[in-house]
Amino acid sequence: MEGVIVLSKMKRRFLRKKRKAERRELAAASYDTHHLCFQRRLWSNGAVKKLRSHWYCRIDIPKNTLHREIHAHMNNVPAPRTISAEEALYQLKKLEEYGAIHDSDPIEKRLSVLVALFDCIEQPTADAFKRQLQIVQEHQKAPR
């Protein structure tokens, strides 16, 4: 029995629980991509789909905290009319050219930009982005 380590039943259980707890900690700290324009079925064709998949409308956020909280408090973001989506894409392109937006922008800035783009022309869409921004701000104020 050289080289074989024999553990007691209690020790094996302890190690199993410890490994499981470590996996849970890793999962809690994991990130995934959040589409600011959701649900996909509402944003599924033409310029609206291009806007949803635009790099500025997607961001990696904590999976089990912020991402879950946003989707728990909101059902969807209403899709704008095609012409409004095309104009928003044009404006995002111009903002990128002038260096006003970057891939390192936090979610708050991205949502504020989208609110500004849709305010007064697509009010339900702008209001949904405002609500999403409010959820993010409340999450960040909450004690940890």
N, C-alpha and C. Protein backbone atom coordinates (compact mmCIF):
# COMPACT_ATOMS: atom_id res chain seq x y z
N MET A 1 0.82 -1.19 0.00
CA MET A 1 0.00 0.00 0.00
C MET A 1 0.86 1.25 0.00
N GLU A 2 1.97 1.15 -0.65
CA GLU A 2 2.88 2.28 -0.71
C GLU A 2 2.33 3.33 -1.69
N GLY A 3 2.34 4.61 -1.31
CA GLY A 3 1.88 5.69 -2.17
C GLY A 3 0.37 5.90 -2.14
N VAL A 4 -0.38 5.08 -1.44
CA VAL A 4 -1.83 5.24 -1.38
C VAL A 4 -2.18 5.92 -0.05
N ILE A 5 -2.95 6.97 -0.16
CA ILE A 5 -3.36 7.69 1.05
C ILE A 5 -4.79 7.28 1.37
N VAL A 6 -4.99 6.81 2.55
CA VAL A 6 -6.30 6.38 2.99
C VAL A 6 -6.85 7.44 3.93
N LEU A 7 -8.01 7.98 3.56
CA LEU A 7 -8.65 9.01 4.39
C LEU A 7 -9.85 8.43 5.09
N SER A 8 -10.10 8.95 6.26
CA SER A 8 -11.29 8.51 6.97
C SER A 8 -12.52 9.06 6.26
N LYS A 9 -13.65 8.48 6.57
CA LYS A 9 -14.91 8.89 5.97
C LYS A 9 -15.21 10.36 6.29
N MET A 10 -14.96 10.77 7.51
CA MET A 10 -15.20 12.14 7.94
C MET A 10 -14.29 13.12 7.18
N LYS A 11 -13.05 12.74 6.99
CA LYS A 11 -12.11 13.60 6.30
C LYS A 11 -12.53 13.78 4.83
N ARG A 12 -12.98 12.72 4.19
CA ARG A 12 -13.44 12.80 2.80
C ARG A 12 -14.64 13.73 2.70
N ARG A 13 -15.58 13.62 3.64
CA ARG A 13 -16.75 14.50 3.64
C ARG A 13 -16.34 15.97 3.80
N PHE A 14 -15.42 16.19 4.72
CA PHE A 14 -14.94 17.55 4.95
C PHE A 14 -14.31 18.13 3.68
N LEU A 15 -13.46 17.36 3.04
CA LEU A 15 -12.80 17.84 1.82
C LEU A 15 -13.81 18.08 0.70
N ARG A 16 -14.82 17.22 0.58
CA ARG A 16 -15.84 17.38 -0.44
C ARG A 16 -16.62 18.69 -0.22
N LYS A 17 -17.00 18.96 1.03
CA LYS A 17 -17.72 20.18 1.35
C LYS A 17 -16.85 21.42 1.09
N LYS A 18 -15.58 21.30 1.40
CA LYS A 18 -14.66 22.42 1.19
C LYS A 18 -14.54 22.73 -0.31
N ARG A 19 -14.39 21.70 -1.13
CA ARG A 19 -14.29 21.90 -2.59
C ARG A 19 -15.58 22.51 -3.14
N LYS A 20 -16.72 22.04 -2.64
CA LYS A 20 -18.00 22.56 -3.10
C LYS A 20 -18.14 24.04 -2.73
N ALA A 21 -17.73 24.41 -1.54
CA ALA A 21 -17.79 25.82 -1.12
C ALA A 21 -16.87 26.68 -1.98
N GLU A 22 -15.72 26.18 -2.33
CA GLU A 22 -14.79 26.93 -3.19
C GLU A 22 -15.39 27.14 -4.58
N ARG A 23 -16.07 26.12 -5.11
CA ARG A 23 -16.70 26.27 -6.42
C ARG A 23 -17.80 27.31 -6.37
N ARG A 24 -18.56 27.33 -5.28
CA ARG A 24 -19.62 28.32 -5.11
C ARG A 24 -19.06 29.73 -5.07
N GLU A 25 -17.93 29.92 -4.37
CA GLU A 25 -17.30 31.24 -4.30
C GLU A 25 -16.86 31.70 -5.68
N LEU A 26 -16.29 30.79 -6.45
CA LEU A 26 -15.87 31.13 -7.80
C LEU A 26 -17.07 31.50 -8.67
N ALA A 27 -18.15 30.77 -8.55
CA ALA A 27 -19.35 31.04 -9.34
C ALA A 27 -19.94 32.40 -8.96
N ALA A 28 -19.89 32.76 -7.69
CA ALA A 28 -20.44 34.03 -7.25
C ALA A 28 -19.64 35.20 -7.81
N ALA A 29 -18.36 35.00 -8.02
CA ALA A 29 -17.50 36.06 -8.53
C ALA A 29 -17.43 36.08 -10.05
N SER A 30 -18.16 35.19 -10.72
CA SER A 30 -18.06 35.12 -12.17
C SER A 30 -18.87 36.23 -12.84
N TYR A 31 -18.49 36.53 -14.06
CA TYR A 31 -19.13 37.57 -14.84
C TYR A 31 -19.75 36.96 -16.07
N ASP A 32 -20.78 37.62 -16.60
CA ASP A 32 -21.30 37.24 -17.90
C ASP A 32 -21.78 38.49 -18.63
N THR A 33 -22.08 38.32 -19.89
CA THR A 33 -22.43 39.46 -20.72
C THR A 33 -23.90 39.83 -20.54
N HIS A 34 -24.12 41.10 -20.26
CA HIS A 34 -25.47 41.62 -20.11
C HIS A 34 -25.78 42.50 -21.32
N HIS A 35 -26.87 42.24 -21.97
CA HIS A 35 -27.34 43.10 -23.06
C HIS A 35 -28.23 44.17 -22.43
N LEU A 36 -27.85 45.41 -22.61
CA LEU A 36 -28.65 46.51 -22.06
C LEU A 36 -30.02 46.55 -22.70
N CYS A 37 -30.11 46.06 -23.95
CA CYS A 37 -31.37 46.00 -24.69
C CYS A 37 -31.89 44.56 -24.64
N PHE A 38 -32.79 44.28 -23.75
CA PHE A 38 -33.33 42.93 -23.62
C PHE A 38 -34.84 43.00 -23.59
N GLN A 39 -35.49 42.04 -23.91
CA GLN A 39 -35.29 40.64 -24.26
C GLN A 39 -35.04 40.50 -25.77
N ARG A 40 -34.28 39.49 -26.12
CA ARG A 40 -33.87 39.27 -27.50
C ARG A 40 -35.05 39.20 -28.46
N ARG A 41 -36.15 38.59 -28.05
CA ARG A 41 -37.30 38.43 -28.96
C ARG A 41 -37.89 39.77 -29.37
N LEU A 42 -37.72 40.81 -28.55
CA LEU A 42 -38.22 42.14 -28.89
C LEU A 42 -37.24 42.91 -29.78
N TRP A 43 -35.98 42.53 -29.72
CA TRP A 43 -34.91 43.22 -30.43
C TRP A 43 -34.33 42.27 -31.48
N SER A 44 -35.18 41.72 -32.34
CA SER A 44 -34.72 40.59 -33.17
C SER A 44 -34.51 40.85 -34.64
N ASN A 45 -34.80 42.06 -35.15
CA ASN A 45 -34.59 42.21 -36.59
C ASN A 45 -34.15 43.62 -36.97
N GLY A 46 -33.46 43.72 -38.09
CA GLY A 46 -33.06 44.99 -38.66
C GLY A 46 -32.15 45.82 -37.78
N ALA A 47 -32.39 47.13 -37.80
CA ALA A 47 -31.55 48.07 -37.06
C ALA A 47 -31.67 47.86 -35.55
N VAL A 48 -32.83 47.40 -35.12
CA VAL A 48 -33.03 47.13 -33.69
C VAL A 48 -32.09 46.02 -33.24
N LYS A 49 -31.95 44.98 -34.05
CA LYS A 49 -31.05 43.87 -33.73
C LYS A 49 -29.58 44.35 -33.75
N LYS A 50 -29.24 45.21 -34.71
CA LYS A 50 -27.88 45.75 -34.78
C LYS A 50 -27.57 46.57 -33.54
N LEU A 51 -28.55 47.34 -33.08
CA LEU A 51 -28.35 48.15 -31.88
C LEU A 51 -28.14 47.25 -30.66
N ARG A 52 -28.94 46.21 -30.53
CA ARG A 52 -28.81 45.29 -29.40
C ARG A 52 -27.44 44.64 -29.36
N SER A 53 -26.90 44.30 -30.55
CA SER A 53 -25.61 43.62 -30.59
C SER A 53 -24.42 44.57 -30.70
N HIS A 54 -24.67 45.88 -30.73
CA HIS A 54 -23.59 46.86 -30.77
C HIS A 54 -22.72 46.69 -29.53
N TRP A 55 -21.41 46.86 -29.68
CA TRP A 55 -20.50 46.63 -28.55
C TRP A 55 -20.81 47.52 -27.35
N TYR A 56 -21.35 48.69 -27.57
CA TYR A 56 -21.62 49.59 -26.46
C TYR A 56 -22.86 49.17 -25.67
N CYS A 57 -23.69 48.33 -26.25
CA CYS A 57 -24.91 47.88 -25.59
C CYS A 57 -24.76 46.52 -24.92
N ARG A 58 -23.52 46.05 -24.83
CA ARG A 58 -23.22 44.80 -24.12
C ARG A 58 -22.08 45.07 -23.15
N ILE A 59 -22.19 44.48 -21.96
CA ILE A 59 -21.14 44.69 -20.95
C ILE A 59 -21.08 43.48 -20.03
N ASP A 60 -19.88 43.16 -19.57
CA ASP A 60 -19.71 42.07 -18.61
C ASP A 60 -19.95 42.62 -17.21
N ILE A 61 -20.89 41.98 -16.50
CA ILE A 61 -21.20 42.39 -15.13
C ILE A 61 -21.27 41.15 -14.25
N PRO A 62 -21.19 41.33 -12.92
CA PRO A 62 -21.26 40.18 -12.01
C PRO A 62 -22.54 39.38 -12.22
N LYS A 63 -22.37 38.09 -12.41
CA LYS A 63 -23.47 37.20 -12.80
C LYS A 63 -24.51 37.03 -11.69
N ASN A 64 -24.07 36.68 -10.51
CA ASN A 64 -25.02 36.28 -9.46
C ASN A 64 -25.48 37.43 -8.57
N THR A 65 -25.05 38.64 -8.87
CA THR A 65 -25.50 39.77 -8.06
C THR A 65 -26.23 40.78 -8.94
N LEU A 66 -25.47 41.63 -9.61
CA LEU A 66 -26.07 42.71 -10.39
C LEU A 66 -26.91 42.20 -11.55
N HIS A 67 -26.40 41.25 -12.31
CA HIS A 67 -27.13 40.75 -13.47
C HIS A 67 -28.47 40.14 -13.04
N ARG A 68 -28.42 39.35 -12.02
CA ARG A 68 -29.64 38.71 -11.51
C ARG A 68 -30.63 39.75 -11.00
N GLU A 69 -30.10 40.78 -10.34
CA GLU A 69 -30.96 41.82 -9.78
C GLU A 69 -31.68 42.62 -10.87
N ILE A 70 -30.95 42.95 -11.94
CA ILE A 70 -31.57 43.70 -13.04
C ILE A 70 -32.74 42.91 -13.62
N HIS A 71 -32.50 41.64 -13.91
CA HIS A 71 -33.55 40.83 -14.53
C HIS A 71 -34.68 40.49 -13.56
N ALA A 72 -34.41 40.53 -12.28
CA ALA A 72 -35.46 40.27 -11.29
C ALA A 72 -36.42 41.47 -11.18
N HIS A 73 -35.91 42.68 -11.42
CA HIS A 73 -36.73 43.88 -11.28
C HIS A 73 -37.28 44.42 -12.58
N MET A 74 -36.83 43.89 -13.71
CA MET A 74 -37.30 44.37 -15.02
C MET A 74 -37.63 43.20 -15.92
N ASN A 75 -38.69 43.31 -16.67
CA ASN A 75 -39.05 42.26 -17.62
C ASN A 75 -38.35 42.44 -18.95
N ASN A 76 -38.32 43.69 -19.45
CA ASN A 76 -37.70 43.94 -20.74
C ASN A 76 -37.52 45.44 -20.95
N VAL A 77 -36.84 45.75 -22.06
CA VAL A 77 -36.72 47.12 -22.53
C VAL A 77 -37.48 47.17 -23.84
N PRO A 78 -38.51 48.00 -23.95
CA PRO A 78 -39.28 48.05 -25.20
C PRO A 78 -38.39 48.48 -26.37
N ALA A 79 -38.53 47.80 -27.47
CA ALA A 79 -37.73 48.12 -28.66
C ALA A 79 -38.25 49.42 -29.30
N PRO A 80 -37.34 50.25 -29.79
CA PRO A 80 -37.76 51.48 -30.46
C PRO A 80 -38.19 51.21 -31.90
N ARG A 81 -38.70 52.23 -32.56
CA ARG A 81 -38.99 52.10 -33.99
C ARG A 81 -37.68 51.96 -34.75
N THR A 82 -37.74 51.39 -35.94
CA THR A 82 -36.54 51.15 -36.75
C THR A 82 -35.78 52.43 -37.02
N ILE A 83 -36.47 53.48 -37.36
CA ILE A 83 -35.78 54.73 -37.69
C ILE A 83 -35.06 55.31 -36.48
N SER A 84 -35.62 55.14 -35.31
CA SER A 84 -34.98 55.62 -34.07
C SER A 84 -33.74 54.78 -33.77
N ALA A 85 -33.83 53.48 -34.01
CA ALA A 85 -32.67 52.60 -33.80
C ALA A 85 -31.55 52.95 -34.76
N GLU A 86 -31.89 53.23 -36.01
CA GLU A 86 -30.88 53.62 -37.00
C GLU A 86 -30.18 54.91 -36.58
N GLU A 87 -30.96 55.87 -36.10
CA GLU A 87 -30.39 57.15 -35.64
C GLU A 87 -29.49 56.93 -34.43
N ALA A 88 -29.90 56.06 -33.51
CA ALA A 88 -29.08 55.77 -32.34
C ALA A 88 -27.76 55.12 -32.75
N LEU A 89 -27.81 54.20 -33.71
CA LEU A 89 -26.58 53.57 -34.21
C LEU A 89 -25.65 54.62 -34.84
N TYR A 90 -26.23 55.54 -35.60
CA TYR A 90 -25.45 56.61 -36.21
C TYR A 90 -24.79 57.47 -35.13
N GLN A 91 -25.56 57.83 -34.10
CA GLN A 91 -25.03 58.66 -33.03
C GLN A 91 -23.93 57.93 -32.24
N LEU A 92 -24.11 56.63 -32.00
CA LEU A 92 -23.08 55.85 -31.31
C LEU A 92 -21.79 55.81 -32.14
N LYS A 93 -21.94 55.69 -33.45
CA LYS A 93 -20.78 55.69 -34.34
C LYS A 93 -20.03 57.02 -34.24
N LYS A 94 -20.77 58.12 -34.24
CA LYS A 94 -20.17 59.46 -34.13
C LYS A 94 -19.51 59.65 -32.77
N LEU A 95 -20.17 59.22 -31.71
CA LEU A 95 -19.58 59.33 -30.38
C LEU A 95 -18.28 58.54 -30.28
N GLU A 96 -18.24 57.38 -30.93
CA GLU A 96 -17.02 56.57 -30.94
C GLU A 96 -15.92 57.29 -31.73
N GLU A 97 -16.26 57.85 -32.87
CA GLU A 97 -15.27 58.58 -33.68
C GLU A 97 -14.65 59.74 -32.92
N TYR A 98 -15.47 60.46 -32.16
CA TYR A 98 -14.98 61.62 -31.41
C TYR A 98 -14.35 61.25 -30.07
N GLY A 99 -14.35 59.97 -29.74
CA GLY A 99 -13.72 59.52 -28.50
C GLY A 99 -14.56 59.76 -27.26
N ALA A 100 -15.85 59.96 -27.42
CA ALA A 100 -16.72 60.22 -26.28
C ALA A 100 -17.14 58.94 -25.55
N ILE A 101 -17.11 57.82 -26.26
CA ILE A 101 -17.45 56.53 -25.63
C ILE A 101 -16.28 55.56 -25.83
N HIS A 102 -16.11 54.69 -24.85
CA HIS A 102 -15.00 53.72 -24.87
C HIS A 102 -15.50 52.37 -24.40
N ASP A 103 -14.77 51.32 -24.73
CA ASP A 103 -15.17 49.98 -24.28
C ASP A 103 -14.96 49.80 -22.78
N SER A 104 -14.23 50.72 -22.15
CA SER A 104 -14.02 50.62 -20.70
C SER A 104 -15.06 51.41 -19.90
N ASP A 105 -16.04 52.01 -20.56
CA ASP A 105 -17.07 52.78 -19.86
C ASP A 105 -17.88 51.87 -18.94
N PRO A 106 -18.18 52.36 -17.73
CA PRO A 106 -19.00 51.57 -16.81
C PRO A 106 -20.45 51.51 -17.28
N ILE A 107 -21.19 50.61 -16.70
CA ILE A 107 -22.58 50.40 -17.09
C ILE A 107 -23.42 51.66 -16.88
N GLU A 108 -23.11 52.44 -15.85
CA GLU A 108 -23.88 53.66 -15.59
C GLU A 108 -23.77 54.65 -16.75
N LYS A 109 -22.55 54.83 -17.25
CA LYS A 109 -22.36 55.77 -18.36
C LYS A 109 -23.06 55.26 -19.62
N ARG A 110 -22.94 53.98 -19.88
CA ARG A 110 -23.59 53.40 -21.07
C ARG A 110 -25.10 53.61 -21.03
N LEU A 111 -25.68 53.36 -19.87
CA LEU A 111 -27.13 53.55 -19.74
C LEU A 111 -27.51 55.02 -19.86
N SER A 112 -26.69 55.91 -19.31
CA SER A 112 -26.96 57.34 -19.43
C SER A 112 -26.91 57.80 -20.89
N VAL A 113 -25.96 57.28 -21.65
CA VAL A 113 -25.86 57.62 -23.07
C VAL A 113 -27.11 57.13 -23.80
N LEU A 114 -27.53 55.91 -23.52
CA LEU A 114 -28.72 55.37 -24.18
C LEU A 114 -29.98 56.14 -23.79
N VAL A 115 -30.06 56.57 -22.54
CA VAL A 115 -31.20 57.39 -22.11
C VAL A 115 -31.21 58.68 -22.93
N ALA A 116 -30.05 59.31 -23.06
CA ALA A 116 -29.96 60.57 -23.80
C ALA A 116 -30.33 60.39 -25.28
N LEU A 117 -29.94 59.25 -25.86
CA LEU A 117 -30.24 59.01 -27.27
C LEU A 117 -31.74 58.81 -27.52
N PHE A 118 -32.44 58.22 -26.57
CA PHE A 118 -33.85 57.89 -26.79
C PHE A 118 -34.84 58.82 -26.08
N ASP A 119 -34.35 59.68 -25.21
CA ASP A 119 -35.24 60.58 -24.49
C ASP A 119 -35.98 61.50 -25.46
N CYS A 120 -37.25 61.63 -25.28
CA CYS A 120 -38.15 62.49 -26.08
C CYS A 120 -38.53 61.92 -27.44
N ILE A 121 -37.81 60.91 -27.97
CA ILE A 121 -38.22 60.35 -29.26
C ILE A 121 -38.81 58.95 -29.10
N GLU A 122 -38.31 58.21 -28.15
CA GLU A 122 -38.84 56.86 -27.83
C GLU A 122 -38.92 56.78 -26.30
N GLN A 123 -39.93 57.44 -25.74
CA GLN A 123 -40.01 57.58 -24.30
C GLN A 123 -40.09 56.25 -23.53
N PRO A 124 -40.85 55.25 -23.99
CA PRO A 124 -40.88 53.98 -23.24
C PRO A 124 -39.49 53.31 -23.17
N THR A 125 -38.73 53.40 -24.26
CA THR A 125 -37.38 52.83 -24.28
C THR A 125 -36.49 53.61 -23.32
N ALA A 126 -36.55 54.93 -23.38
CA ALA A 126 -35.73 55.76 -22.50
C ALA A 126 -36.08 55.51 -21.04
N ASP A 127 -37.37 55.38 -20.74
CA ASP A 127 -37.79 55.12 -19.36
C ASP A 127 -37.27 53.79 -18.85
N ALA A 128 -37.24 52.79 -19.71
CA ALA A 128 -36.72 51.47 -19.32
C ALA A 128 -35.22 51.55 -19.04
N PHE A 129 -34.48 52.31 -19.86
CA PHE A 129 -33.05 52.49 -19.60
C PHE A 129 -32.83 53.25 -18.30
N LYS A 130 -33.69 54.22 -18.00
CA LYS A 130 -33.61 54.96 -16.73
C LYS A 130 -33.85 54.03 -15.56
N ARG A 131 -34.85 53.15 -15.69
CA ARG A 131 -35.15 52.19 -14.63
C ARG A 131 -33.98 51.25 -14.40
N GLN A 132 -33.36 50.81 -15.49
CA GLN A 132 -32.21 49.93 -15.38
C GLN A 132 -31.05 50.66 -14.69
N LEU A 133 -30.85 51.92 -15.02
CA LEU A 133 -29.82 52.73 -14.38
C LEU A 133 -30.09 52.89 -12.90
N GLN A 134 -31.35 53.08 -12.55
CA GLN A 134 -31.74 53.21 -11.14
C GLN A 134 -31.42 51.91 -10.37
N ILE A 135 -31.70 50.77 -10.97
CA ILE A 135 -31.42 49.48 -10.32
C ILE A 135 -29.92 49.33 -10.09
N VAL A 136 -29.12 49.69 -11.09
CA VAL A 136 -27.65 49.59 -10.97
C VAL A 136 -27.16 50.51 -9.85
N GLN A 137 -27.66 51.74 -9.80
CA GLN A 137 -27.22 52.68 -8.78
C GLN A 137 -27.63 52.22 -7.39
N GLU A 138 -28.83 51.67 -7.24
CA GLU A 138 -29.26 51.15 -5.94
C GLU A 138 -28.41 49.97 -5.51
N HIS A 139 -28.06 49.12 -6.48
CA HIS A 139 -27.21 47.97 -6.18
C HIS A 139 -25.84 48.42 -5.67
N GLN A 140 -25.31 49.46 -6.30
CA GLN A 140 -23.96 49.92 -5.90
C GLN A 140 -23.96 50.66 -4.59
N LYS A 141 -25.10 51.25 -4.19
CA LYS A 141 -25.21 51.93 -2.90
C LYS A 141 -25.40 50.95 -1.75
N ALA A 142 -25.95 49.79 -2.06
CA ALA A 142 -26.29 48.81 -1.03
C ALA A 142 -25.03 48.34 -0.30
N PRO A 143 -25.12 48.19 1.04
CA PRO A 143 -23.97 47.68 1.78
C PRO A 143 -23.68 46.23 1.42
N ARG A 144 -22.44 45.90 1.42
CA ARG A 144 -22.02 44.54 1.03
C ARG A 144 -21.64 43.73 2.21
